[in-house]
Amino acid sequence: MVENIKTYNVLISGRVQGVGFRYFAVSIAEKYDVKGFVKNIPGGRVEIVCQGEEEELQSFLSEVKKGPAFSVITDTATEEIPEIKKYNTFEIRY
């Protein structure tokens, strides 16, 4: 089987800091075997770099764009990026 690994950069806006969003993203990444990281960024947004097979990435993105119970997502921007680094885990970065 040939791996078809893709990498996306995702910016999520809204009430996504202080609501457990990063921990939520980690749990969803583990569910779909997605690698990369999630971090809070200035302006109250969350950035995700996610890497994996296209089908798993789409499932991951679909769930993560809904967010955890107390989040309110107002906008998302997703773009595929040429990533040379291969991630081995999905982690919270600070």
Protein backbone atom coordinates (compact mmCIF):
# COMPACT_ATOMS: atom_id res chain seq x y z
CA MET A 1 0.00 0.00 0.00
CA VAL A 2 1.38 3.39 -0.97
CA GLU A 3 1.06 6.07 1.68
CA ASN A 4 -0.72 9.19 0.57
CA ILE A 5 0.28 11.46 3.45
CA LYS A 6 -0.95 15.04 3.37
CA THR A 7 -0.39 17.93 5.74
CA TYR A 8 -2.84 20.74 6.46
CA ASN A 9 -2.56 23.99 8.39
CA VAL A 10 -5.85 24.92 10.04
CA LEU A 11 -6.71 28.19 11.79
CA ILE A 12 -9.83 28.15 13.94
CA SER A 13 -11.44 31.34 15.22
CA GLY A 14 -14.12 31.95 17.84
CA ARG A 15 -14.32 30.98 21.48
CA VAL A 16 -11.66 28.29 21.22
CA GLN A 17 -9.22 29.20 23.98
CA GLY A 18 -9.93 28.22 27.58
CA VAL A 19 -12.63 25.71 26.63
CA GLY A 20 -10.54 22.53 26.35
CA PHE A 21 -10.19 22.83 22.59
CA ARG A 22 -6.57 21.65 22.43
CA TYR A 23 -7.29 18.55 24.54
CA PHE A 24 -10.34 17.87 22.38
CA ALA A 25 -8.16 18.07 19.25
CA VAL A 26 -5.67 15.59 20.74
CA SER A 27 -8.44 13.07 21.49
CA ILE A 28 -9.88 13.36 17.97
CA ALA A 29 -6.39 13.04 16.43
CA GLU A 30 -5.81 9.82 18.38
CA LYS A 31 -9.16 8.49 17.18
CA TYR A 32 -8.16 8.94 13.51
CA ASP A 33 -4.39 8.32 13.82
CA VAL A 34 -3.62 11.89 12.78
CA LYS A 35 -0.22 13.37 13.69
CA GLY A 36 0.94 16.97 14.18
CA PHE A 37 0.17 19.59 16.79
CA VAL A 38 -2.33 22.12 18.12
CA LYS A 39 -1.55 25.42 19.82
CA ASN A 40 -3.17 28.65 20.92
CA ILE A 41 -2.03 31.65 18.89
CA PRO A 42 -2.42 35.39 19.44
CA GLY A 43 -5.81 36.88 18.64
CA GLY A 44 -7.75 34.13 20.42
CA ARG A 45 -7.36 31.55 17.64
CA VAL A 46 -6.11 27.98 17.57
CA GLU A 47 -3.66 26.65 14.98
CA ILE A 48 -3.54 22.99 14.00
CA VAL A 49 -0.98 21.32 11.80
CA CYS A 50 -2.30 17.85 10.98
CA GLN A 51 -0.77 15.09 8.93
CA GLY A 52 -2.07 11.73 7.80
CA GLU A 53 -3.98 9.83 5.14
CA GLU A 54 -6.54 12.00 3.32
CA GLU A 55 -9.59 10.03 4.51
CA GLU A 56 -8.54 10.17 8.17
CA LEU A 57 -7.65 13.86 7.87
CA GLN A 58 -11.09 14.69 6.49
CA SER A 59 -12.78 12.80 9.34
CA PHE A 60 -10.53 14.55 11.86
CA LEU A 61 -11.19 17.99 10.36
CA SER A 62 -14.93 17.39 10.25
CA GLU A 63 -15.05 16.67 13.98
CA VAL A 64 -12.50 19.26 15.07
CA LYS A 65 -14.39 22.02 13.22
CA LYS A 66 -17.40 21.30 15.46
CA GLY A 67 -15.27 21.75 18.60
CA PRO A 68 -15.89 20.68 22.18
CA ALA A 69 -19.09 21.49 24.05
CA PHE A 70 -18.19 24.97 25.31
CA SER A 71 -16.49 26.25 22.17
CA VAL A 72 -18.05 28.54 19.59
CA ILE A 73 -16.36 28.36 16.20
CA THR A 74 -16.92 31.39 13.99
CA ASP A 75 -14.44 30.69 11.18
CA THR A 76 -12.00 28.08 9.92
CA ALA A 77 -9.29 28.34 7.27
CA THR A 78 -7.65 25.18 5.96
CA GLU A 79 -4.82 24.93 3.48
CA GLU A 80 -2.65 22.06 2.37
CA ILE A 81 1.01 22.76 3.03
CA PRO A 82 4.14 21.12 1.65
CA GLU A 83 5.55 19.60 4.83
CA ILE A 84 8.85 17.77 4.73
CA LYS A 85 8.79 16.88 8.43
CA LYS A 86 7.00 13.67 9.32
CA TYR A 87 5.21 13.90 12.66
CA ASN A 88 5.14 10.86 14.93
CA THR A 89 2.61 12.10 17.50
CA PHE A 90 -0.13 14.68 17.92
CA GLU A 91 0.72 17.08 20.71
CA ILE A 92 -0.21 20.33 22.37
CA ARG A 93 2.41 23.01 21.83
CA TYR A 94 2.80 26.07 24.02
